Amino acid sequence: MIQKTLIITGLLFILVGLLYPFFKDIGLGRLPGDILIKKEKSSFYFPIATCIVVGVVVSLILIFFKK
């Protein structure tokens, strides 16, 4: 059971890595609501709106496949 979960998780990471340029082109990662703080020598970026959107999409996909 754990092996199957780890393999699926690894494949999902690979898929997201391959699709990252596409996601970046459609604006995912720079949505309104994402927090960006820039200082002279450092910056902090927390994509809260992107996390919410990805969470909702993943939840809907899991609900769809569960039925």
N, C-alpha and C. Protein backbone atom coordinates (compact mmCIF):
# COMPACT_ATOMS: atom_id res chain seq x y z
N MET A 1 0.82 -1.20 0.00
CA MET A 1 0.00 0.00 0.00
C MET A 1 0.87 1.26 0.00
N ILE A 2 1.90 1.29 0.84
CA ILE A 2 2.76 2.46 0.93
C ILE A 2 3.57 2.63 -0.36
N GLN A 3 4.00 1.51 -0.95
CA GLN A 3 4.77 1.58 -2.18
C GLN A 3 3.95 2.23 -3.30
N LYS A 4 2.69 1.83 -3.41
CA LYS A 4 1.81 2.38 -4.43
C LYS A 4 1.61 3.88 -4.23
N THR A 5 1.43 4.29 -2.98
CA THR A 5 1.24 5.71 -2.67
C THR A 5 2.49 6.52 -3.01
N LEU A 6 3.66 5.99 -2.69
CA LEU A 6 4.91 6.69 -2.99
C LEU A 6 5.15 6.79 -4.50
N ILE A 7 4.82 5.74 -5.23
CA ILE A 7 4.99 5.77 -6.69
C ILE A 7 4.06 6.79 -7.31
N ILE A 8 2.81 6.81 -6.89
CA ILE A 8 1.84 7.77 -7.41
C ILE A 8 2.25 9.20 -7.07
N THR A 9 2.71 9.42 -5.84
CA THR A 9 3.17 10.75 -5.44
C THR A 9 4.36 11.19 -6.28
N GLY A 10 5.31 10.29 -6.51
CA GLY A 10 6.47 10.61 -7.34
C GLY A 10 6.07 10.95 -8.77
N LEU A 11 5.14 10.18 -9.33
CA LEU A 11 4.66 10.46 -10.69
C LEU A 11 3.94 11.80 -10.77
N LEU A 12 3.20 12.14 -9.72
CA LEU A 12 2.52 13.44 -9.70
C LEU A 12 3.54 14.58 -9.64
N PHE A 13 4.61 14.42 -8.87
CA PHE A 13 5.66 15.44 -8.81
C PHE A 13 6.33 15.61 -10.18
N ILE A 14 6.58 14.50 -10.86
CA ILE A 14 7.17 14.57 -12.19
C ILE A 14 6.23 15.29 -13.15
N LEU A 15 4.94 14.95 -13.10
CA LEU A 15 3.95 15.58 -13.97
C LEU A 15 3.85 17.08 -13.73
N VAL A 16 3.81 17.48 -12.47
CA VAL A 16 3.75 18.90 -12.15
C VAL A 16 5.02 19.60 -12.61
N GLY A 17 6.16 18.96 -12.45
CA GLY A 17 7.42 19.54 -12.91
C GLY A 17 7.45 19.75 -14.42
N LEU A 18 6.90 18.79 -15.15
CA LEU A 18 6.86 18.91 -16.61
C LEU A 18 5.86 19.97 -17.07
N LEU A 19 4.76 20.12 -16.33
CA LEU A 19 3.73 21.08 -16.71
C LEU A 19 3.95 22.48 -16.14
N TYR A 20 4.99 22.66 -15.32
CA TYR A 20 5.24 23.95 -14.68
C TYR A 20 5.35 25.11 -15.68
N PRO A 21 6.06 24.96 -16.79
CA PRO A 21 6.11 26.08 -17.75
C PRO A 21 4.73 26.47 -18.27
N PHE A 22 3.86 25.49 -18.50
CA PHE A 22 2.50 25.77 -18.94
C PHE A 22 1.72 26.52 -17.85
N PHE A 23 1.85 26.06 -16.61
CA PHE A 23 1.16 26.72 -15.50
C PHE A 23 1.62 28.16 -15.34
N LYS A 24 2.92 28.38 -15.54
CA LYS A 24 3.48 29.72 -15.40
C LYS A 24 2.94 30.64 -16.51
N ASP A 25 2.77 30.10 -17.73
CA ASP A 25 2.25 30.88 -18.85
C ASP A 25 0.81 31.32 -18.63
N ILE A 26 0.00 30.49 -17.96
CA ILE A 26 -1.40 30.87 -17.73
C ILE A 26 -1.58 31.73 -16.48
N GLY A 27 -0.49 32.00 -15.77
CA GLY A 27 -0.55 32.92 -14.63
C GLY A 27 -0.61 32.26 -13.28
N LEU A 28 -0.58 30.96 -13.22
CA LEU A 28 -0.62 30.28 -11.93
C LEU A 28 0.70 30.51 -11.21
N GLY A 29 0.63 31.02 -10.02
CA GLY A 29 1.85 31.35 -9.27
C GLY A 29 1.99 32.84 -9.07
N ARG A 30 1.24 33.62 -9.80
CA ARG A 30 1.26 35.08 -9.65
C ARG A 30 -0.16 35.61 -9.65
N LEU A 31 -1.02 34.98 -8.87
CA LEU A 31 -2.42 35.40 -8.80
C LEU A 31 -2.58 36.56 -7.82
N PRO A 32 -3.64 37.36 -8.00
CA PRO A 32 -3.94 38.38 -7.00
C PRO A 32 -4.23 37.68 -5.66
N GLY A 33 -3.64 38.12 -4.62
CA GLY A 33 -3.80 37.48 -3.33
C GLY A 33 -2.53 36.77 -2.89
N ASP A 34 -1.61 36.53 -3.81
CA ASP A 34 -0.32 35.96 -3.45
C ASP A 34 0.50 37.06 -2.77
N ILE A 35 1.21 36.70 -1.73
CA ILE A 35 1.95 37.67 -0.92
C ILE A 35 3.38 37.77 -1.43
N LEU A 36 3.82 38.96 -1.75
CA LEU A 36 5.20 39.21 -2.19
C LEU A 36 5.74 40.40 -1.42
N ILE A 37 6.80 40.17 -0.66
CA ILE A 37 7.45 41.22 0.11
C ILE A 37 8.89 41.32 -0.37
N LYS A 38 9.26 42.48 -0.89
CA LYS A 38 10.63 42.68 -1.37
C LYS A 38 11.33 43.70 -0.48
N LYS A 39 12.51 43.36 -0.05
CA LYS A 39 13.37 44.27 0.70
C LYS A 39 14.63 44.49 -0.12
N GLU A 40 15.58 45.24 0.41
CA GLU A 40 16.80 45.52 -0.34
C GLU A 40 17.57 44.27 -0.72
N LYS A 41 17.80 43.38 0.24
CA LYS A 41 18.65 42.21 -0.01
C LYS A 41 17.89 40.89 0.03
N SER A 42 16.59 40.94 0.23
CA SER A 42 15.85 39.68 0.31
C SER A 42 14.42 39.88 -0.19
N SER A 43 13.79 38.77 -0.44
CA SER A 43 12.39 38.81 -0.83
C SER A 43 11.69 37.58 -0.25
N PHE A 44 10.39 37.71 -0.04
CA PHE A 44 9.57 36.64 0.50
C PHE A 44 8.34 36.52 -0.37
N TYR A 45 8.04 35.30 -0.83
CA TYR A 45 6.90 35.07 -1.69
C TYR A 45 6.09 33.91 -1.13
N PHE A 46 4.82 34.14 -0.85
CA PHE A 46 3.93 33.08 -0.38
C PHE A 46 2.69 33.07 -1.26
N PRO A 47 2.54 32.04 -2.10
CA PRO A 47 1.43 32.00 -3.06
C PRO A 47 0.13 31.48 -2.44
N ILE A 48 -0.48 32.25 -1.55
CA ILE A 48 -1.67 31.77 -0.84
C ILE A 48 -2.85 31.56 -1.79
N ALA A 49 -3.08 32.46 -2.73
CA ALA A 49 -4.20 32.30 -3.66
C ALA A 49 -3.95 31.11 -4.58
N THR A 50 -2.73 30.92 -5.00
CA THR A 50 -2.39 29.77 -5.84
C THR A 50 -2.61 28.47 -5.07
N CYS A 51 -2.24 28.45 -3.80
CA CYS A 51 -2.45 27.25 -2.98
C CYS A 51 -3.93 26.91 -2.86
N ILE A 52 -4.76 27.93 -2.69
CA ILE A 52 -6.20 27.71 -2.59
C ILE A 52 -6.75 27.16 -3.90
N VAL A 53 -6.36 27.75 -5.02
CA VAL A 53 -6.85 27.29 -6.33
C VAL A 53 -6.42 25.85 -6.59
N VAL A 54 -5.16 25.55 -6.34
CA VAL A 54 -4.66 24.18 -6.56
C VAL A 54 -5.37 23.20 -5.63
N GLY A 55 -5.59 23.58 -4.39
CA GLY A 55 -6.29 22.72 -3.44
C GLY A 55 -7.71 22.41 -3.86
N VAL A 56 -8.42 23.41 -4.36
CA VAL A 56 -9.80 23.19 -4.82
C VAL A 56 -9.80 22.27 -6.04
N VAL A 57 -8.90 22.50 -6.98
CA VAL A 57 -8.84 21.67 -8.19
C VAL A 57 -8.51 20.22 -7.84
N VAL A 58 -7.54 20.02 -6.98
CA VAL A 58 -7.17 18.66 -6.57
C VAL A 58 -8.32 17.99 -5.83
N SER A 59 -9.02 18.72 -4.97
CA SER A 59 -10.16 18.16 -4.26
C SER A 59 -11.26 17.74 -5.23
N LEU A 60 -11.54 18.58 -6.22
CA LEU A 60 -12.57 18.24 -7.20
C LEU A 60 -12.18 17.01 -8.02
N ILE A 61 -10.92 16.91 -8.38
CA ILE A 61 -10.45 15.73 -9.13
C ILE A 61 -10.59 14.47 -8.28
N LEU A 62 -10.21 14.55 -7.01
CA LEU A 62 -10.31 13.38 -6.14
C LEU A 62 -11.76 12.99 -5.91
N ILE A 63 -12.64 13.96 -5.75
CA ILE A 63 -14.07 13.66 -5.58
C ILE A 63 -14.62 13.00 -6.84
N PHE A 64 -14.21 13.49 -8.00
CA PHE A 64 -14.68 12.95 -9.28
C PHE A 64 -14.24 11.48 -9.43
N PHE A 65 -12.98 11.17 -9.09
CA PHE A 65 -12.47 9.81 -9.26
C PHE A 65 -12.95 8.86 -8.16
N LYS A 66 -13.39 9.41 -7.03
CA LYS A 66 -13.87 8.57 -5.94
C LYS A 66 -15.22 7.96 -6.28
N LYS A 67 -16.03 8.68 -7.06
CA LYS A 67 -17.36 8.18 -7.42
C LYS A 67 -17.31 7.26 -8.54
